[in-house]
Amino acid sequence: MRMNVSATRMEMQKLKKSLILARRGWKLLKDKQDELMRIFLEKKDEFFSQYHKTSSLMKKILSQAIAGSGFLSDETTSLLSKSSTARVGLDVRAKTLFNLKVPDFGVHLDGNPFNYKSSESVIYWDRAVKGVCDLMAAIVSAGLLLFEIQELCREIASTRRRVNSLEYIMIPDITETVKYISFKLDEMERSNTVRLMKVKEIVRSH
């Protein structure tokens, strides 16, 4: 769509400069979009890898807990479950992902998950308890990856809107307007030339 501006040489020069800047901005934003997509695809693959790893670990813990409870009474398993003094702690940090600020958590375990005598338990139960401790870090890691992916999606969508606005609206509008002004200036020049020729003919005829 042609812009509503005066058909002057000064206006055309301004628009040509704006067109150069718009094309340069489009290239920078397109490069940014491509880089964001590359990071997104890497994070997506990393997330699904972490997801499958976590799911596999959860199944393993469950089977170990079931196997362990088969050798223990319901009362004993209840007491063992309640005896743990372990608590999951998070070290909250921040990091930069491309140009995005995202949280970064470090997981640490406080207390003793094995707060019972070894004679009171069986190896399967102990392995399940150890697995749960490892699972916490895996779950936090997967959650962080999912958050990063969501932030990347938002930034990609925002960048794509700006790229499309430049590519399909601003640049075509400026280009069309420059062509229109150039056509009008040429038309005015031809009219002036014809007018001068007529004046010369009149002058000569007298």
Protein backbone atom coordinates (compact mmCIF):
# COMPACT_ATOMS: atom_id res chain seq x y z
CA MET A 1 0.00 0.00 0.00
CA ARG A 2 1.36 3.37 -1.03
CA MET A 3 2.15 5.78 1.81
CA ASN A 4 0.48 9.17 1.99
CA VAL A 5 3.49 11.47 1.50
CA SER A 6 4.40 14.41 -0.71
CA ALA A 7 5.87 13.51 -4.09
CA THR A 8 9.13 15.44 -3.69
CA ARG A 9 12.78 14.54 -4.16
CA MET A 10 13.49 15.25 -0.51
CA GLU A 11 10.74 12.87 0.56
CA MET A 12 12.01 10.22 -1.85
CA GLN A 13 15.55 10.48 -0.40
CA LYS A 14 14.14 10.06 3.11
CA LEU A 15 12.18 7.01 2.04
CA LYS A 16 15.21 5.46 0.33
CA LYS A 17 17.19 5.82 3.58
CA SER A 18 14.27 4.30 5.50
CA LEU A 19 14.19 1.44 3.01
CA ILE A 20 17.89 0.71 3.56
CA LEU A 21 17.37 0.68 7.33
CA ALA A 22 14.26 -1.50 7.02
CA ARG A 23 16.08 -4.07 4.89
CA ARG A 24 19.04 -4.05 7.30
CA GLY A 25 16.66 -4.48 10.25
CA TRP A 26 14.88 -7.32 8.46
CA LYS A 27 18.19 -9.13 7.89
CA LEU A 28 19.20 -8.77 11.56
CA LEU A 29 15.81 -9.96 12.78
CA LYS A 30 15.80 -12.87 10.30
CA ASP A 31 19.25 -13.95 11.55
CA LYS A 32 17.96 -13.68 15.12
CA GLN A 33 14.91 -15.76 14.26
CA ASP A 34 17.05 -18.45 12.63
CA GLU A 35 19.36 -18.60 15.66
CA LEU A 36 16.40 -18.78 18.05
CA MET A 37 14.97 -21.67 16.01
CA ARG A 38 18.31 -23.48 16.13
CA ILE A 39 18.46 -23.12 19.93
CA PHE A 40 14.79 -24.14 20.23
CA LEU A 41 15.37 -27.37 18.28
CA GLU A 42 18.41 -28.19 20.43
CA LYS A 43 16.45 -27.55 23.63
CA LYS A 44 13.49 -29.58 22.35
CA ASP A 45 15.70 -32.61 21.67
CA GLU A 46 17.41 -32.15 25.04
CA PHE A 47 14.03 -31.94 26.82
CA PHE A 48 12.65 -35.13 25.27
CA SER A 49 15.90 -36.92 26.07
CA GLN A 50 15.61 -35.73 29.69
CA TYR A 51 11.90 -36.61 29.74
CA HIS A 52 12.53 -40.19 28.61
CA LYS A 53 15.42 -40.49 31.07
CA THR A 54 13.21 -39.25 33.93
CA SER A 55 10.32 -41.52 32.94
CA SER A 56 12.66 -44.52 32.79
CA LEU A 57 14.10 -43.62 36.20
CA MET A 58 10.62 -43.29 37.71
CA LYS A 59 9.63 -46.73 36.40
CA LYS A 60 12.84 -48.21 37.79
CA ILE A 61 12.25 -46.61 41.21
CA LEU A 62 8.67 -47.87 41.27
CA SER A 63 9.70 -51.44 40.44
CA GLN A 64 12.43 -51.33 43.10
CA ALA A 65 10.01 -49.95 45.69
CA ILE A 66 7.46 -52.67 44.84
CA ALA A 67 10.15 -55.34 45.02
CA GLY A 68 11.38 -53.95 48.35
CA SER A 69 7.90 -53.76 49.84
CA GLY A 70 7.43 -57.41 48.94
CA PHE A 71 10.02 -58.29 51.58
CA LEU A 72 8.71 -55.81 54.15
CA SER A 73 5.48 -55.40 56.02
CA ASP A 74 3.18 -52.45 55.38
CA GLU A 75 4.07 -51.11 58.84
CA THR A 76 7.79 -51.30 58.14
CA THR A 77 7.54 -49.59 54.74
CA SER A 78 5.46 -46.81 56.36
CA LEU A 79 8.06 -46.34 59.10
CA LEU A 80 10.93 -46.31 56.59
CA SER A 81 9.13 -43.74 54.45
CA LYS A 82 8.59 -41.44 57.42
CA SER A 83 12.11 -41.84 58.82
CA SER A 84 13.86 -39.86 56.06
CA THR A 85 15.05 -36.40 57.05
CA ALA A 86 16.13 -35.55 53.51
CA ARG A 87 14.97 -32.26 52.03
CA VAL A 88 15.52 -30.98 48.52
CA GLY A 89 17.04 -27.51 48.33
CA LEU A 90 17.35 -25.20 45.33
CA ASP A 91 20.12 -22.71 44.59
CA VAL A 92 18.32 -20.05 42.59
CA ARG A 93 20.40 -18.34 39.91
CA ALA A 94 19.83 -16.69 36.57
CA LYS A 95 21.45 -17.16 33.19
CA THR A 96 21.24 -15.67 29.72
CA LEU A 97 19.83 -17.77 26.89
CA PHE A 98 20.59 -15.89 23.67
CA ASN A 99 19.15 -12.51 24.77
CA LEU A 100 16.67 -13.95 27.29
CA LYS A 101 17.01 -13.97 31.06
CA VAL A 102 15.93 -17.36 32.42
CA PRO A 103 16.16 -18.96 35.87
CA ASP A 104 18.75 -21.60 36.64
CA PHE A 105 18.38 -23.89 39.66
CA GLY A 106 21.04 -25.95 41.35
CA VAL A 107 19.61 -28.91 43.28
CA HIS A 108 21.11 -30.09 46.54
CA LEU A 109 19.95 -32.60 49.14
CA ASP A 110 19.93 -31.75 52.85
CA GLY A 111 19.48 -34.32 55.59
CA ASN A 112 19.76 -38.08 55.51
CA PRO A 113 17.47 -40.12 53.22
CA PHE A 114 18.71 -43.32 54.89
CA ASN A 115 17.79 -42.41 58.45
CA TYR A 116 17.27 -46.03 59.46
CA LYS A 117 19.36 -49.11 60.23
CA SER A 118 20.39 -51.23 57.25
CA SER A 119 19.00 -54.29 59.03
CA GLU A 120 15.55 -52.70 58.95
CA SER A 121 15.48 -52.50 55.17
CA VAL A 122 16.32 -54.47 52.03
CA ILE A 123 18.58 -53.58 49.09
CA TYR A 124 15.64 -52.95 46.73
CA TRP A 125 14.14 -50.36 49.07
CA ASP A 126 17.52 -48.66 49.54
CA ARG A 127 17.98 -48.45 45.78
CA ALA A 128 14.52 -46.93 45.41
CA VAL A 129 15.35 -44.29 48.04
CA LYS A 130 18.64 -43.49 46.27
CA GLY A 131 16.77 -43.29 42.97
CA VAL A 132 14.27 -40.78 44.37
CA CYS A 133 17.17 -38.52 45.42
CA ASP A 134 18.56 -38.64 41.87
CA LEU A 135 15.08 -38.15 40.43
CA MET A 136 14.67 -34.72 42.04
CA ALA A 137 17.58 -33.23 40.08
CA ALA A 138 16.29 -34.81 36.85
CA ILE A 139 12.78 -33.39 37.36
CA VAL A 140 14.11 -29.88 38.07
CA SER A 141 16.36 -30.10 35.00
CA ALA A 142 13.43 -31.15 32.78
CA GLY A 143 11.27 -28.37 34.24
CA LEU A 144 13.92 -25.75 33.49
CA LEU A 145 14.26 -27.00 29.93
CA LEU A 146 10.50 -26.76 29.47
CA PHE A 147 10.51 -23.19 30.80
CA GLU A 148 13.35 -22.26 28.43
CA ILE A 149 11.45 -23.78 25.49
CA GLN A 150 8.34 -21.74 26.38
CA GLU A 151 10.37 -18.53 26.57
CA LEU A 152 12.04 -19.32 23.25
CA CYS A 153 8.61 -19.90 21.66
CA ARG A 154 7.42 -16.50 22.86
CA GLU A 155 10.55 -14.78 21.55
CA ILE A 156 10.38 -16.62 18.22
CA ALA A 157 6.73 -15.60 17.79
CA SER A 158 7.52 -11.97 18.64
CA THR A 159 10.52 -11.90 16.28
CA ARG A 160 8.54 -13.56 13.48
CA ARG A 161 5.80 -10.91 13.75
CA ARG A 162 8.41 -8.17 13.38
CA VAL A 163 10.10 -9.97 10.46
CA ASN A 164 6.75 -10.42 8.69
CA SER A 165 5.77 -6.81 9.37
CA LEU A 166 8.97 -5.58 7.71
CA GLU A 167 8.91 -8.13 4.88
CA TYR A 168 5.24 -7.97 3.91
CA ILE A 169 4.12 -4.49 5.00
CA MET A 170 6.80 -1.88 5.66
CA ILE A 171 9.35 -2.72 2.94
CA PRO A 172 6.73 -3.22 0.16
CA ASP A 173 4.92 0.00 1.20
CA ILE A 174 8.12 2.06 1.10
CA THR A 175 9.21 0.44 -2.18
CA GLU A 176 5.85 1.16 -3.80
CA THR A 177 5.89 4.75 -2.51
CA VAL A 178 9.42 5.36 -3.84
CA LYS A 179 8.36 4.04 -7.26
CA TYR A 180 5.26 6.25 -7.20
CA ILE A 181 7.25 9.39 -6.28
CA SER A 182 9.85 8.57 -8.93
CA PHE A 183 7.08 8.18 -11.52
CA LYS A 184 5.42 11.46 -10.46
CA LEU A 185 8.74 13.34 -10.57
CA ASP A 186 9.48 11.97 -14.05
CA GLU A 187 5.98 12.96 -15.12
CA MET A 188 6.44 16.47 -13.75
CA GLU A 189 9.80 16.74 -15.50
CA ARG A 190 8.27 15.68 -18.82
CA SER A 191 5.46 18.22 -18.33
CA ASN A 192 7.98 20.96 -17.59
CA THR A 193 9.97 20.00 -20.67
CA VAL A 194 6.87 20.14 -22.88
CA ARG A 195 5.88 23.49 -21.36
CA LEU A 196 9.36 24.94 -21.99
CA MET A 197 9.28 23.73 -25.59
CA LYS A 198 5.92 25.41 -26.12
CA VAL A 199 7.23 28.63 -24.59
CA LYS A 200 10.25 28.53 -26.93
CA GLU A 201 7.96 27.99 -29.92
CA ILE A 202 5.83 30.96 -28.90
CA VAL A 203 8.94 33.13 -28.43
CA ARG A 204 10.32 32.11 -31.83
CA SER A 205 7.02 32.73 -33.58
CA HIS A 206 7.13 36.32 -32.39
